[in-house]
Amino acid sequence: MALDHDILVWFSKSFGLFYLLALSLIVLVYAYWPANRKPFERAANAILHDDDDKPYRG
């Protein structure tokens, strides 16, 4: 079996598709995992509780 251009293109497209699907699934599982809820909420609200970040009144 010779590795011609069509076979290599098919393999690279298939590998890329499955790689991106797996990576997306891993990211979604990590983002919605219940144990990660508190750090994400803390990060989302961190800017709201910062009292040092006020406009300059010279």
N, C-alpha and C. Protein backbone atom coordinates (compact mmCIF):
# COMPACT_ATOMS: atom_id res chain seq x y z
N MET A 1 0.85 -1.18 0.00
CA MET A 1 0.00 0.00 0.00
C MET A 1 0.89 1.24 0.00
N ALA A 2 0.71 2.05 -0.98
CA ALA A 2 1.51 3.25 -1.10
C ALA A 2 0.80 4.41 -0.40
N LEU A 3 1.59 5.26 0.25
CA LEU A 3 1.02 6.43 0.90
C LEU A 3 1.00 7.58 -0.10
N ASP A 4 -0.08 7.70 -0.79
CA ASP A 4 -0.17 8.81 -1.74
C ASP A 4 -0.83 10.01 -1.07
N HIS A 5 -0.96 11.07 -1.79
CA HIS A 5 -1.45 12.34 -1.25
C HIS A 5 -2.87 12.23 -0.71
N ASP A 6 -3.74 11.53 -1.39
CA ASP A 6 -5.14 11.43 -0.96
C ASP A 6 -5.27 10.72 0.40
N ILE A 7 -4.48 9.70 0.62
CA ILE A 7 -4.54 8.98 1.90
C ILE A 7 -4.02 9.87 3.02
N LEU A 8 -2.96 10.60 2.77
CA LEU A 8 -2.41 11.48 3.81
C LEU A 8 -3.36 12.63 4.13
N VAL A 9 -4.03 13.17 3.12
CA VAL A 9 -5.00 14.24 3.36
C VAL A 9 -6.18 13.70 4.16
N TRP A 10 -6.68 12.52 3.82
CA TRP A 10 -7.79 11.91 4.55
C TRP A 10 -7.40 11.68 6.01
N PHE A 11 -6.20 11.14 6.23
CA PHE A 11 -5.75 10.88 7.59
C PHE A 11 -5.60 12.16 8.39
N SER A 12 -5.02 13.19 7.79
CA SER A 12 -4.81 14.44 8.54
C SER A 12 -6.15 15.12 8.86
N LYS A 13 -7.08 15.08 7.95
CA LYS A 13 -8.39 15.67 8.22
C LYS A 13 -9.14 14.88 9.30
N SER A 14 -9.08 13.56 9.24
CA SER A 14 -9.76 12.74 10.24
C SER A 14 -9.11 12.90 11.60
N PHE A 15 -7.79 12.87 11.65
CA PHE A 15 -7.10 13.03 12.92
C PHE A 15 -7.39 14.41 13.52
N GLY A 16 -7.37 15.44 12.70
CA GLY A 16 -7.65 16.79 13.18
C GLY A 16 -9.06 16.92 13.71
N LEU A 17 -10.01 16.30 13.03
CA LEU A 17 -11.40 16.36 13.48
C LEU A 17 -11.55 15.70 14.84
N PHE A 18 -11.05 14.48 14.98
CA PHE A 18 -11.19 13.77 16.25
C PHE A 18 -10.39 14.42 17.36
N TYR A 19 -9.25 15.00 17.02
CA TYR A 19 -8.44 15.71 18.01
C TYR A 19 -9.20 16.92 18.55
N LEU A 20 -9.79 17.72 17.67
CA LEU A 20 -10.52 18.91 18.12
C LEU A 20 -11.80 18.55 18.86
N LEU A 21 -12.48 17.49 18.45
CA LEU A 21 -13.66 17.05 19.19
C LEU A 21 -13.30 16.58 20.59
N ALA A 22 -12.23 15.82 20.71
CA ALA A 22 -11.80 15.35 22.03
C ALA A 22 -11.36 16.51 22.91
N LEU A 23 -10.62 17.45 22.34
CA LEU A 23 -10.16 18.60 23.10
C LEU A 23 -11.35 19.45 23.57
N SER A 24 -12.34 19.64 22.72
CA SER A 24 -13.53 20.40 23.10
C SER A 24 -14.29 19.70 24.21
N LEU A 25 -14.40 18.39 24.12
CA LEU A 25 -15.09 17.64 25.16
C LEU A 25 -14.36 17.74 26.49
N ILE A 26 -13.04 17.67 26.47
CA ILE A 26 -12.25 17.79 27.70
C ILE A 26 -12.43 19.16 28.32
N VAL A 27 -12.42 20.21 27.52
CA VAL A 27 -12.59 21.57 28.03
C VAL A 27 -13.99 21.75 28.63
N LEU A 28 -15.00 21.23 27.97
CA LEU A 28 -16.36 21.35 28.49
C LEU A 28 -16.54 20.59 29.80
N VAL A 29 -15.98 19.41 29.88
CA VAL A 29 -16.07 18.63 31.12
C VAL A 29 -15.36 19.37 32.24
N TYR A 30 -14.19 19.93 31.96
CA TYR A 30 -13.46 20.67 32.99
C TYR A 30 -14.23 21.91 33.43
N ALA A 31 -14.82 22.62 32.49
CA ALA A 31 -15.52 23.86 32.83
C ALA A 31 -16.79 23.60 33.62
N TYR A 32 -17.48 22.52 33.35
CA TYR A 32 -18.74 22.24 34.04
C TYR A 32 -18.61 21.23 35.17
N TRP A 33 -17.41 20.83 35.51
CA TRP A 33 -17.21 19.90 36.63
C TRP A 33 -17.62 20.60 37.93
N PRO A 34 -18.42 19.98 38.76
CA PRO A 34 -18.93 20.65 39.97
C PRO A 34 -17.84 21.15 40.92
N ALA A 35 -16.72 20.49 40.99
CA ALA A 35 -15.66 20.92 41.90
C ALA A 35 -14.99 22.21 41.44
N ASN A 36 -15.14 22.57 40.19
CA ASN A 36 -14.52 23.79 39.67
C ASN A 36 -15.43 25.00 39.75
N ARG A 37 -16.59 24.86 40.31
CA ARG A 37 -17.56 25.95 40.34
C ARG A 37 -17.08 27.14 41.17
N LYS A 38 -16.57 26.89 42.37
CA LYS A 38 -16.15 27.98 43.24
C LYS A 38 -14.99 28.79 42.66
N PRO A 39 -13.94 28.18 42.14
CA PRO A 39 -12.87 29.00 41.55
C PRO A 39 -13.35 29.85 40.37
N PHE A 40 -14.24 29.30 39.55
CA PHE A 40 -14.75 30.08 38.42
C PHE A 40 -15.63 31.24 38.89
N GLU A 41 -16.46 31.01 39.90
CA GLU A 41 -17.29 32.08 40.43
C GLU A 41 -16.44 33.17 41.09
N ARG A 42 -15.39 32.74 41.81
CA ARG A 42 -14.49 33.70 42.43
C ARG A 42 -13.78 34.56 41.37
N ALA A 43 -13.35 33.93 40.30
CA ALA A 43 -12.68 34.66 39.22
C ALA A 43 -13.64 35.62 38.52
N ALA A 44 -14.88 35.20 38.34
CA ALA A 44 -15.87 36.05 37.67
C ALA A 44 -16.22 37.27 38.50
N ASN A 45 -16.24 37.12 39.81
CA ASN A 45 -16.63 38.21 40.69
C ASN A 45 -15.44 38.98 41.27
N ALA A 46 -14.24 38.59 40.96
CA ALA A 46 -13.06 39.21 41.56
C ALA A 46 -12.96 40.69 41.20
N ILE A 47 -13.28 41.06 40.01
CA ILE A 47 -13.18 42.46 39.60
C ILE A 47 -14.24 43.31 40.29
N LEU A 48 -15.35 42.71 40.70
CA LEU A 48 -16.42 43.47 41.31
C LEU A 48 -16.12 43.84 42.76
N HIS A 49 -15.24 43.11 43.42
CA HIS A 49 -14.95 43.35 44.83
C HIS A 49 -13.63 44.08 45.05
N ASP A 50 -13.03 44.58 44.01
CA ASP A 50 -11.74 45.25 44.12
C ASP A 50 -11.98 46.73 44.41
N ASP A 51 -11.68 47.17 45.65
CA ASP A 51 -11.92 48.56 46.04
C ASP A 51 -10.78 49.49 45.62
N ASP A 52 -9.63 48.94 45.25
CA ASP A 52 -8.51 49.78 44.86
C ASP A 52 -8.63 50.32 43.45
N ASP A 53 -9.49 49.75 42.66
CA ASP A 53 -9.60 50.13 41.24
C ASP A 53 -10.69 51.19 41.08
N LYS A 54 -10.31 52.44 41.36
CA LYS A 54 -11.25 53.55 41.23
C LYS A 54 -10.64 54.62 40.34
N PRO A 55 -11.47 55.46 39.74
CA PRO A 55 -10.92 56.53 38.90
C PRO A 55 -10.07 57.50 39.71
N TYR A 56 -9.10 58.06 39.07
CA TYR A 56 -8.20 59.01 39.71
C TYR A 56 -8.89 60.35 39.85
N ARG A 57 -8.88 60.90 41.06
CA ARG A 57 -9.47 62.23 41.29
C ARG A 57 -8.35 63.11 41.83
N GLY A 58 -7.71 63.80 40.93
CA GLY A 58 -6.54 64.61 41.26
C GLY A 58 -6.88 65.91 41.80
